[in-house]
Each structure stands twice: as C-alpha cells, then as structure tokens.
Protein backbone atom coordinates (compact mmCIF):
# COMPACT_ATOMS: atom_id res chain seq x y z
CA UNK A 1 88.06 126.88 235.54
CA UNK A 2 85.09 125.12 237.08
CA UNK A 3 83.10 128.29 236.66
CA UNK A 4 83.97 128.41 232.92
CA UNK A 5 82.85 124.73 232.51
CA UNK A 6 79.54 125.49 234.24
CA UNK A 7 78.95 128.62 232.28
CA UNK A 8 79.33 126.73 229.00
CA UNK A 9 76.89 124.06 230.25
CA UNK A 10 74.47 126.80 231.50
CA UNK A 11 74.24 128.28 228.06
CA UNK A 12 73.42 124.72 226.91
CA UNK A 13 69.99 125.01 228.47
CA UNK A 14 69.00 128.07 226.37
CA UNK A 15 65.33 127.57 225.60
CA UNK A 16 62.92 128.86 222.99
CA UNK A 17 60.60 127.28 220.49
CA UNK A 18 59.78 128.40 217.00
CA UNK A 19 56.40 129.67 218.23
CA UNK A 20 55.45 132.92 216.46
CA UNK A 21 52.36 133.78 218.45
CA UNK A 22 52.12 137.46 217.41
CA UNK A 23 52.36 136.52 213.68
CA UNK A 24 50.07 133.45 213.58
CA UNK A 25 46.60 134.31 212.14
CA UNK A 26 47.66 138.00 211.75
CA UNK A 27 46.07 137.89 208.23
CA UNK A 28 47.00 141.53 207.40
CA UNK A 29 50.49 140.21 206.72
CA UNK A 30 51.41 137.73 203.86
CA UNK A 31 53.89 136.05 206.25
CA UNK A 32 50.90 134.52 208.09
CA UNK A 33 50.54 132.18 205.12
CA UNK A 34 53.85 130.59 206.11
CA UNK A 35 52.32 129.60 209.40
CA UNK A 36 48.94 128.67 208.09
CA UNK A 37 48.49 128.24 204.26
CA UNK A 38 44.79 128.20 204.93
CA UNK A 39 44.78 131.68 206.45
CA UNK A 40 41.78 133.89 205.44
CA UNK A 41 43.69 136.57 203.66
CA UNK A 42 42.47 139.16 201.20
CA UNK A 43 45.35 140.04 198.96
CA UNK A 44 45.36 140.68 195.27
CA UNK A 45 49.10 140.61 195.17
CA UNK A 46 52.03 140.82 197.49
CA UNK A 47 55.83 140.94 197.13
CA UNK A 48 58.32 141.01 199.98
CA UNK A 49 61.36 143.26 199.71
CA UNK A 50 64.15 140.77 198.84
CA UNK A 51 66.20 139.83 201.96
CA UNK A 52 64.10 142.32 204.03
CA UNK A 53 60.59 140.80 203.99
CA UNK A 54 61.16 138.84 207.16
CA UNK A 55 64.10 138.49 209.60
CA UNK A 56 63.37 136.47 212.68
CA UNK A 57 65.47 135.38 215.58
CA UNK A 58 64.71 133.95 219.02
CA UNK A 59 66.78 132.71 221.89
CA UNK A 60 66.22 132.20 225.61
CA UNK A 61 67.29 130.67 228.83
CA UNK A 62 65.18 128.18 230.66
CA UNK A 63 65.45 127.44 234.38
CA UNK A 64 67.97 130.13 235.16
CA UNK A 65 69.45 133.46 234.02
CA UNK A 66 72.94 134.90 233.70
CA UNK A 67 71.95 137.12 236.68
CA UNK A 68 71.49 134.11 238.88
CA UNK A 69 75.17 133.24 238.49
CA UNK A 70 76.96 136.52 238.03
CA UNK A 71 74.85 139.02 240.05
CA UNK A 72 76.85 141.26 242.29
CA UNK A 73 74.94 140.37 245.44
CA UNK A 74 77.68 139.44 247.86
CA UNK A 75 77.16 135.65 247.58
CA UNK A 76 80.04 133.37 246.58
CA UNK A 77 79.94 132.52 242.89
CA UNK A 78 80.55 128.83 243.69
CA UNK A 79 77.40 128.73 245.84
CA UNK A 80 75.42 130.42 243.05
CA UNK A 81 76.65 127.92 240.55
CA UNK A 82 75.79 125.01 242.88
CA UNK A 83 72.25 126.24 243.32
CA UNK A 84 71.76 126.78 239.64
CA UNK A 85 73.21 123.38 238.78
CA UNK A 86 70.82 121.75 241.27
CA UNK A 87 67.86 123.66 239.62
CA UNK A 88 68.58 122.62 236.03
CA UNK A 89 67.49 119.20 234.79
CA UNK A 90 68.32 117.10 231.69
CA UNK A 91 64.91 118.08 230.24
CA UNK A 92 66.05 121.69 229.93
CA UNK A 93 67.22 122.49 226.49
CA UNK A 94 68.72 125.00 224.08
CA UNK A 95 66.91 126.13 221.02
CA UNK A 96 68.06 128.95 218.84
CA UNK A 97 66.09 129.75 215.72
CA UNK A 98 66.95 132.25 213.03
CA UNK A 99 65.06 132.82 209.71
CA UNK A 100 65.70 135.07 206.81
CA UNK A 101 63.32 135.42 203.88
CA UNK A 102 65.22 135.80 200.59
CA UNK A 103 62.11 136.04 198.34
CA UNK A 104 58.40 136.08 199.15
CA UNK A 105 55.53 136.70 196.63
CA UNK A 106 51.95 135.85 195.89
CA UNK A 107 49.08 136.63 193.60
CA UNK A 108 45.35 136.08 193.17
CA UNK A 109 44.36 133.66 190.37
CA UNK A 110 42.95 135.43 187.34
CA UNK A 111 40.62 132.46 186.64
CA UNK A 112 39.34 132.10 190.17
CA UNK A 113 39.42 134.95 192.59
CA UNK A 114 38.91 132.47 195.45
CA UNK A 115 42.40 131.02 194.85
CA UNK A 116 45.63 132.62 195.96
CA UNK A 117 49.13 131.37 195.09
CA UNK A 118 52.20 132.18 197.17
CA UNK A 119 55.81 131.16 197.13
CA UNK A 120 59.39 132.02 198.03
CA UNK A 121 62.65 131.00 199.47
CA UNK A 122 63.92 131.31 203.09
CA UNK A 123 67.06 130.42 204.99
CA UNK A 124 66.75 128.82 208.47
CA UNK A 125 69.05 127.90 211.36
CA UNK A 126 67.57 125.51 213.94
CA UNK A 127 69.52 124.55 216.95
CA UNK A 128 68.37 122.35 219.95
CA UNK A 129 70.61 120.95 222.66
CA UNK A 130 69.49 119.33 225.88
CA UNK A 131 71.35 120.25 229.01
CA UNK A 132 73.75 117.34 229.78
CA UNK A 133 72.90 117.36 233.50
CA UNK A 134 74.77 114.21 234.42
CA UNK A 135 78.02 115.10 232.85
CA UNK A 136 77.74 118.81 233.89
CA UNK A 137 77.58 117.47 237.50
CA UNK A 138 80.52 115.16 236.83
CA UNK A 139 82.63 117.94 235.25
CA UNK A 140 81.96 120.44 237.93
CA UNK A 141 81.61 118.42 241.11
CA UNK A 142 83.51 115.19 240.27
CA UNK A 143 82.34 111.74 241.17
CA UNK A 144 83.50 111.52 244.79
CA UNK A 145 79.97 112.27 246.18
CA UNK A 146 78.23 110.13 243.56
CA UNK A 147 79.47 106.60 244.26
CA UNK A 148 77.29 103.89 242.70
CA UNK A 149 75.38 106.55 240.84
CA UNK A 150 75.34 106.08 237.07
CA UNK A 151 76.00 109.07 234.77
CA UNK A 152 73.90 108.49 231.68
CA UNK A 153 75.06 109.05 228.19
CA UNK A 154 71.38 109.50 227.23
CA UNK A 155 71.53 113.06 228.59
CA UNK A 156 73.78 114.03 225.64
CA UNK A 157 71.32 114.94 222.95
CA UNK A 158 70.98 117.73 220.32
CA UNK A 159 71.08 118.83 216.71
CA UNK A 160 72.07 121.69 214.47
CA UNK A 161 70.60 122.33 211.04
CA UNK A 162 71.30 125.08 208.54
CA UNK A 163 69.10 124.85 205.44
CA UNK A 164 67.26 126.66 202.68
CA UNK A 165 63.60 126.06 201.94
CA UNK A 166 61.93 126.62 198.58
CA UNK A 167 58.17 126.62 198.82
CA UNK A 168 54.97 127.18 196.88
CA UNK A 169 51.54 127.42 198.38
CA UNK A 170 47.93 127.12 197.27
CA UNK A 171 45.08 128.82 199.29
CA UNK A 172 41.43 128.44 198.33
CA UNK A 173 38.27 129.85 199.80
CA UNK A 174 36.13 126.71 199.40
CA UNK A 175 33.06 128.50 200.69
CA UNK A 176 32.09 131.60 202.70
CA UNK A 177 32.86 129.63 205.77
CA UNK A 178 35.85 127.49 204.90
CA UNK A 179 39.34 128.38 203.58
CA UNK A 180 41.92 125.60 202.99
CA UNK A 181 45.53 125.69 202.03
CA UNK A 182 48.62 123.57 201.35
CA UNK A 183 52.20 124.39 200.82
CA UNK A 184 54.88 122.16 199.25
CA UNK A 185 58.48 122.51 200.36
CA UNK A 186 61.84 121.56 198.96
CA UNK A 187 64.63 121.55 201.52
CA UNK A 188 68.33 121.97 200.67
CA UNK A 189 70.42 121.30 203.79
CA UNK A 190 73.71 123.02 204.06
CA UNK A 191 75.01 121.63 207.39
CA UNK A 192 73.66 119.14 209.83
CA UNK A 193 74.83 117.55 213.12
CA UNK A 194 72.75 115.24 215.33
CA UNK A 195 73.27 113.15 218.33
CA UNK A 196 70.22 111.39 219.97
CA UNK A 197 69.08 108.18 221.60
CA UNK A 198 72.44 107.61 223.10
CA UNK A 199 72.84 104.74 225.68
CA UNK A 200 75.16 103.56 228.35
CA UNK A 201 76.47 104.77 231.75
CA UNK A 202 79.64 105.77 233.58
CA UNK A 203 79.60 104.61 237.19
CA UNK A 204 82.13 104.67 240.04
CA UNK A 205 81.81 101.86 242.61
CA UNK A 206 83.76 101.01 245.76
CA UNK A 207 85.99 97.91 245.72
CA UNK A 208 87.64 97.68 249.10
CA UNK A 209 88.78 94.07 248.52
CA UNK A 210 90.37 94.92 245.09
CA UNK A 211 93.74 96.28 244.25
CA UNK A 212 92.25 99.82 244.39
CA UNK A 213 89.53 101.44 246.35
CA UNK A 214 87.46 102.39 243.26
CA UNK A 215 86.41 100.98 239.95
CA UNK A 216 85.20 103.31 237.19
CA UNK A 217 82.90 101.47 234.77
CA UNK A 218 81.74 102.40 231.31
CA UNK A 219 78.76 100.09 230.64
CA UNK A 220 77.01 99.41 227.39
CA UNK A 221 78.09 102.60 225.84
CA UNK A 222 76.59 103.49 222.47
CA UNK A 223 77.07 107.12 221.49
CA UNK A 224 76.39 108.27 217.92
CA UNK A 225 77.02 111.58 216.24
CA UNK A 226 75.71 112.00 212.68
CA UNK A 227 77.09 114.77 210.53
CA UNK A 228 76.50 116.02 206.97
CA UNK A 229 78.29 118.97 205.44
CA UNK A 230 80.84 118.97 208.26
CA UNK A 231 83.73 116.80 207.00
CA UNK A 232 84.56 118.91 203.97
CA UNK A 233 84.54 122.10 206.07
CA UNK A 234 86.93 120.98 208.81
CA UNK A 235 90.05 122.21 206.97
CA UNK A 236 88.45 125.24 205.23
CA UNK A 237 88.57 128.87 206.44
CA UNK A 238 86.56 132.04 206.13
CA UNK A 239 85.55 132.82 202.50
CA UNK A 240 85.86 129.15 201.33
CA UNK A 241 83.38 128.05 204.03
CA UNK A 242 80.89 130.72 202.96
CA UNK A 243 81.21 129.81 199.28
CA UNK A 244 80.55 126.19 199.97
CA UNK A 245 77.51 126.90 202.09
CA UNK A 246 76.09 129.31 199.51
CA UNK A 247 76.50 126.65 196.85
CA UNK A 248 74.63 124.12 198.99
CA UNK A 249 71.94 126.64 199.79
CA UNK A 250 70.65 126.67 196.21
CA UNK A 251 69.88 122.99 195.74
CA UNK A 252 73.48 121.95 196.09
CA UNK A 253 72.98 120.34 199.51
CA UNK A 254 71.23 117.36 200.80
CA UNK A 255 67.59 117.47 199.61
CA UNK A 256 64.25 116.73 201.34
CA UNK A 257 60.51 117.18 200.78
CA UNK A 258 57.79 118.57 203.08
CA UNK A 259 54.36 119.96 203.22
CA UNK A 260 52.27 122.40 205.29
CA UNK A 261 48.53 122.18 205.51
CA UNK A 262 46.03 124.46 207.19
CA UNK A 263 42.46 125.76 207.36
CA UNK A 264 40.18 128.57 208.60
CA UNK A 265 36.55 127.76 209.44
CA UNK A 266 34.16 130.63 210.18
CA UNK A 267 31.44 129.34 212.42
CA UNK A 268 29.70 132.66 211.85
CA UNK A 269 30.70 136.11 210.76
CA UNK A 270 32.48 136.91 214.08
CA UNK A 271 33.63 133.47 215.33
CA UNK A 272 36.38 131.46 213.59
CA UNK A 273 38.72 128.56 214.33
CA UNK A 274 42.02 127.86 212.55
CA UNK A 275 44.59 125.08 212.49
CA UNK A 276 47.80 124.15 210.67
CA UNK A 277 50.55 121.50 210.61
CA UNK A 278 53.96 122.71 209.32
CA UNK A 279 57.06 120.86 208.07
CA UNK A 280 55.50 117.43 207.61
CA UNK A 281 58.59 116.21 205.91
CA UNK A 282 62.12 114.69 205.87
CA UNK A 283 65.56 115.25 204.56
CA UNK A 284 67.82 112.42 203.08
CA UNK A 285 71.51 112.99 203.83
CA UNK A 286 73.74 111.46 201.09
CA UNK A 287 76.45 114.06 200.55
CA UNK A 288 79.50 114.73 202.70
CA UNK A 289 78.26 112.35 205.38
CA UNK A 290 80.23 111.13 208.34
CA UNK A 291 78.82 109.26 211.34
CA UNK A 292 80.91 108.77 214.44
CA UNK A 293 79.88 105.90 216.76
CA UNK A 294 81.46 104.63 219.93
CA UNK A 295 80.26 101.33 221.43
CA UNK A 296 81.62 99.04 224.09
CA UNK A 297 82.49 98.47 227.82
CA UNK A 298 85.49 99.43 229.91
CA UNK A 299 86.60 99.11 233.54
CA UNK A 300 89.56 100.96 235.10
CA UNK A 301 90.64 101.19 238.76
CA UNK A 302 92.09 103.91 240.89
CA UNK A 303 91.31 106.89 243.16
CA UNK A 304 90.68 109.07 240.10
CA UNK A 305 90.14 108.61 236.41
CA UNK A 306 93.46 107.45 234.84
CA UNK A 307 93.75 110.51 232.65
CA UNK A 308 94.27 112.48 235.87
CA UNK A 309 96.90 110.14 237.36
CA UNK A 310 100.41 111.57 238.02
CA UNK A 311 103.27 109.42 237.20
CA UNK A 312 101.39 107.50 234.50
CA UNK A 313 101.05 108.17 230.81
CA UNK A 314 97.50 109.23 230.02
CA UNK A 315 97.99 108.00 226.46
CA UNK A 316 98.08 104.46 227.72
CA UNK A 317 94.63 104.90 229.14
CA UNK A 318 93.30 106.51 226.03
CA UNK A 319 94.77 103.75 223.80
CA UNK A 320 93.09 101.13 226.03
CA UNK A 321 89.86 102.95 226.14
CA UNK A 322 89.80 103.29 222.31
CA UNK A 323 90.43 99.62 222.05
CA UNK A 324 87.65 98.70 224.40
CA UNK A 325 85.14 101.36 223.19
CA UNK A 326 86.18 101.81 219.48
CA UNK A 327 85.22 104.98 217.64
CA UNK A 328 83.97 103.98 214.19
CA UNK A 329 83.64 106.54 211.34
CA UNK A 330 80.96 105.62 208.81
CA UNK A 331 79.76 107.14 205.50
CA UNK A 332 76.33 105.64 205.31
CA UNK A 333 73.29 107.76 204.34
CA UNK A 334 70.66 108.64 206.87
CA UNK A 335 67.13 110.14 207.10
CA UNK A 336 65.78 112.62 209.55
CA UNK A 337 62.34 114.04 210.03
CA UNK A 338 61.72 117.70 210.24
CA UNK A 339 60.46 119.08 213.56
CA UNK A 340 56.67 119.14 213.06
CA UNK A 341 54.86 122.31 214.33
CA UNK A 342 51.12 122.51 215.09
CA UNK A 343 49.13 125.74 215.52
CA UNK A 344 45.41 126.32 216.27
CA UNK A 345 43.27 129.28 217.38
CA UNK A 346 39.77 130.46 218.22
CA UNK A 347 39.08 134.08 217.31
CA UNK A 348 36.09 136.30 218.07
CA UNK A 349 35.90 139.49 216.08
CA UNK A 350 33.84 142.56 216.88
CA UNK A 351 33.43 146.28 216.35
CA UNK A 352 32.88 146.39 212.56
CA UNK A 353 34.17 149.51 210.83
CA UNK A 354 31.48 151.31 208.82
CA UNK A 355 31.25 155.07 208.72
CA UNK A 356 28.61 155.12 206.01
CA UNK A 357 30.96 156.62 203.38
CA UNK A 358 33.12 153.75 202.32
CA UNK A 359 32.90 152.78 198.63
CA UNK A 360 35.64 150.13 198.83
CA UNK A 361 33.38 147.14 199.47
CA UNK A 362 30.94 147.31 196.50
CA UNK A 363 31.88 143.89 195.13
CA UNK A 364 30.33 142.10 198.13
CA UNK A 365 33.20 142.45 200.47
CA UNK A 366 32.13 143.68 203.94
CA UNK A 367 34.02 146.23 206.06
CA UNK A 368 36.46 144.65 208.41
CA UNK A 369 36.09 144.18 212.15
CA UNK A 370 38.40 146.50 214.01
CA UNK A 371 38.90 144.29 217.08
CA UNK A 372 39.37 140.57 217.89
CA UNK A 373 40.15 138.44 220.91
CA UNK A 374 41.00 134.81 221.20
CA UNK A 375 43.28 131.98 222.25
CA UNK A 376 46.06 130.14 220.38
CA UNK A 377 47.79 126.87 220.97
CA UNK A 378 51.18 125.75 219.71
CA UNK A 379 53.07 122.40 219.76
CA UNK A 380 56.46 121.56 218.38
CA UNK A 381 57.80 117.99 218.31
CA UNK A 382 61.34 117.59 219.61
CA UNK A 383 63.70 114.67 220.29
CA UNK A 384 62.77 114.09 223.92
CA UNK A 385 59.30 115.60 224.23
CA UNK A 386 57.04 118.04 222.51
CA UNK A 387 57.08 121.78 223.46
CA UNK A 388 53.85 123.49 224.23
CA UNK A 389 52.58 127.03 224.44
CA UNK A 390 49.20 128.76 224.96
CA UNK A 391 48.48 132.41 224.21
CA UNK A 392 45.68 134.86 224.73
CA UNK A 393 45.63 137.73 222.24
CA UNK A 394 43.94 141.01 221.43
CA UNK A 395 43.99 142.33 217.91
CA UNK A 396 43.28 146.06 217.19
CA UNK A 397 42.92 147.72 213.76
CA UNK A 398 43.21 151.47 213.59
CA UNK A 399 41.48 152.03 210.25
CA UNK A 400 43.85 151.00 207.36
CA UNK A 401 46.95 152.67 208.65
CA UNK A 402 47.90 150.75 211.73
CA UNK A 403 47.19 147.15 212.86
CA UNK A 404 48.47 145.72 216.22
CA UNK A 405 48.34 142.47 218.13
CA UNK A 406 49.08 141.95 221.83
CA UNK A 407 49.72 138.52 223.23
CA UNK A 408 50.18 136.86 226.67
CA UNK A 409 51.82 133.51 226.42
CA UNK A 410 52.41 130.63 228.87
CA UNK A 411 55.06 128.20 227.80
CA UNK A 412 57.96 126.10 229.19
CA UNK A 413 60.04 129.16 229.91
CA UNK A 414 57.84 131.80 231.31
CA UNK A 415 54.34 132.56 232.74
CA UNK A 416 54.44 136.24 231.86
CA UNK A 417 55.56 136.40 228.21
CA UNK A 418 54.06 139.53 226.77
CA UNK A 419 54.39 140.06 223.01
CA UNK A 420 53.39 142.89 220.67
CA UNK A 421 53.22 143.25 216.89
CA UNK A 422 52.78 146.52 214.93
CA UNK A 423 52.03 146.55 211.26
CA UNK A 424 52.10 149.86 209.44
CA UNK A 425 50.41 150.29 206.02
CA UNK A 426 51.06 153.39 203.95
CA UNK A 427 49.43 153.06 200.60
CA UNK A 428 50.87 149.77 199.27
CA UNK A 429 53.97 149.75 201.46
CA UNK A 430 53.92 147.75 204.71
CA UNK A 431 56.44 147.54 207.51
CA UNK A 432 56.01 145.38 210.61
CA UNK A 433 57.99 144.59 213.72
CA UNK A 434 57.30 142.22 216.53
CA UNK A 435 58.92 141.31 219.84
CA UNK A 436 58.20 138.87 222.70
CA UNK A 437 58.98 138.83 226.45
CA UNK A 438 58.78 142.66 226.56
CA UNK A 439 58.83 142.70 230.40
CA UNK A 440 62.29 141.27 230.47
CA UNK A 441 63.93 143.78 228.20
CA UNK A 442 64.48 146.19 231.04
CA UNK A 443 67.25 144.04 232.45
CA UNK A 444 68.69 141.60 229.91
CA UNK A 445 70.94 139.91 232.44
CA UNK A 446 67.75 138.64 234.11
CA UNK A 447 66.03 137.84 230.84
CA UNK A 448 64.95 134.30 230.15
CA UNK A 449 64.19 134.98 226.48
CA UNK A 450 64.00 137.31 223.60
CA UNK A 451 62.38 137.07 220.11
CA UNK A 452 62.29 139.67 217.39
CA UNK A 453 61.01 139.77 213.83
CA UNK A 454 60.56 142.48 211.29
CA UNK A 455 60.10 143.00 207.57
CA UNK A 456 58.87 145.11 204.57
CA UNK A 457 56.27 144.18 201.99
CA UNK A 458 54.39 145.56 199.05
CA UNK A 459 50.70 144.58 199.41
CA UNK A 460 47.77 145.25 197.19
C-alpha cells in the first residue's frame, strides 16, 4: 500500500514546460507565428489541415524515473522508494501540456505586401502540480521520526486548465531590418481547478506531562481550492460530459482576453535577434464556480492520529475537526492570469543558395541561406518560480524539399535534451514532425521526458 501511495506521489513530480525549442523561429512553418507573431516569414497564403495542422503533447519526470523505483536490480523496492523520496523536493513539479489546432490560416494583405494576417482556433490542456514533499513523507513514513517538525500545507499547489483559444494576428515588415507582430486572443475555459498559496502546518510534539505522550497540532490552516466547470460535471457521465465541454469550448465557457507580441531584428543580412511574449492575459471565472476553503486550528492527543485509533469512532474526530477547521463552499467569481511565456534567440545564417539559374527571386527577394546556427532562451512563469531553458540549434535547408532543425537544450529536467524537427515540402503540401529528448527513447522506463508535435499545412 505504501508503494502505491508513493507511486502516485512520484507521478506528481512529472515535469515539462511548454517550451517548443525546435519550432521557435522555424520560419518555414506558419506555426512559428504562434510562438512569435513577429517572425520573419515569407508566405503568400497558408491553411492548416483542420484538426491535423498541429498536435502537440509533452510530459516528463523530473528528479527521478520509473526505472529508479521499479528496476529489476535486486534491491528492495522499499529502499529504492526511500532513496527516491529523499531525492525529490517540494520544488519538483508536474506539467503536462497538450495542444490541438482546430483551424489555422493566414494571408498576405492585398493592399500592402509587407503585412500578413493569421488566425485560427486551438484547444489546450495545461496541468501543473508541485510535488507535495511534506505530505508524501507523512503518508509513506509517518510522523514518528519527525517530532516537532512542521508539515507545511504550502507544499500543496497546482492547477488544471482545459480551454479553447480564438486568435488573430498581425505581422508587419516595418523595414528591411525590423518585423513586428501582435496576436489578440480570446480564451474560452471549459474546466479549471487551482490550489495555490496555501498556509498552515501540521506538527506532532511530545507532551510527557500531559494525558498522552503526543499532541498533533493543525496550526493556522488556510487551504483553498478554486474550481470552475467542475460542480456541474460531478454527477454527469461519459457522453454528457463531452457534450458540455464541447459547448463551453466554443465561447460557452468562462471568457478571458490575452495578447502575444514579438519582433525580429536583422542586424545585417546574416545576423538576427528575435523576441516574443505570449499569453499576456487573464480569464475571469463567473460560471459554474465553486471555491472550497478550510481555515482554522485544531489540537488532538494520542499515540497516533485519532482516525487510526482502535476502539474509537473516527467520525467523532472528523466531526470535531470540521467544527474547528470548517470547510466553506463559496460561489464567488475569481480571476487568474495566464502563464506568461518569453522566447528570444540570436541566429547567424550562412551558405546562401544560388546556383545561377534561379528565376524565383526577380521581385527583389534574395535566395535563402541554407544553414543557420544560434542560441535560444525560454522562460515560463509558474506559481512558485519561473521555468528556464537554453538551447543551441543548427538549421539546415536541403533546397526546397527538406528543412530540418537540431537542438541541444539545458533545462530543469535534463542536461542532454536533443531535439529534431523535419519539415517536408512537396509543391504546396507541407508535413512536419518534431520530437525532443531523443536519447531517452531507447528505454522509456529511464526516460525523464518526451515531447512530440506534428502537422499538415498548405503553404504558398
């Protein structure tokens, strides 16, 4: 039983950010405009294949792997769990991100060829949950060896958001050196749960002069769980749940507004810097809202917690606890900020393609460079602290048929994250596929993470 409890907690430190290092500044694909609306693209028109233009999912495990606990190496599983539990901290976290583009389109302005419009709809699932180190230790090891040590409710923190985003972007080549862009977003949240900034402690202290040896103290507890879209789904099943979520997806949910901004600045023909800020916005939750909040203090005595006593009715303890630390259910509206993401890069391009026979650049457009190298930085703001990543990349274009990008990323989870993107262009049809942490795919049990994205476009 203890192994099961720990295993559930271990999966609570899954870790991966929404970093798309292979796709960022890959301007051969229109999806790069979703990461930087100021990307220096050269499309006349693009249309993603509905529901197939981009599917993206990533997940990972920070600080440990499934192999660390369940490897058939002769060691006792309890020893392996103890070692892993000691390794993990309350700053380890779960993030699971999934995105599905429903529609993606764009076109060059007929009045001004330096302006490009783009828009679409995508669905997103965003999950983050910090590893509750204190209560994982309490659940697995008990409190006997942790007298006078407070177990903090602040280690309980996380959120789940399922939403749809409607977006429209504007990209303009201000000059030969500067491209600027912005993207307006309308969010429709289908489901949201959030618990953060909890307070209070649970402590066991010795009382040799009292009626019992130990006192168990809940002090200044203040734990809040905000939900929206959950209350009406509690008693629903299967198809009814799906129907309600679909209705909320298309502007029937809780609404919010946001904006992306970005730029590309060419220092010269070969050297460029880029930057973007995504999801500068918020969502106001007014529909189907329930907030659960427990506040108060409580002291009980005994060798173990009363709910474990033999010969006593645990319900008496629960009734007393609820009276001392009441659980309030509120229906007040609340506001949350979207998790802001920052990207930047420096790119040096070289090896210009020019075989002396090309007629495709008569309107002043120069042949492309076939190679580029550079560095990218990524930051995402999260409840406890920002997540960071730094990547080195190499871009290679094999004429017009095949374009690739290789990345090496250092982040919170790995120092050897190798990623690769391949984009195939046959006439106007485009297919791309990308994956990260390629070195770990040989043994998924040891893998700390995996990320895959793919899609189909029509590009002119």
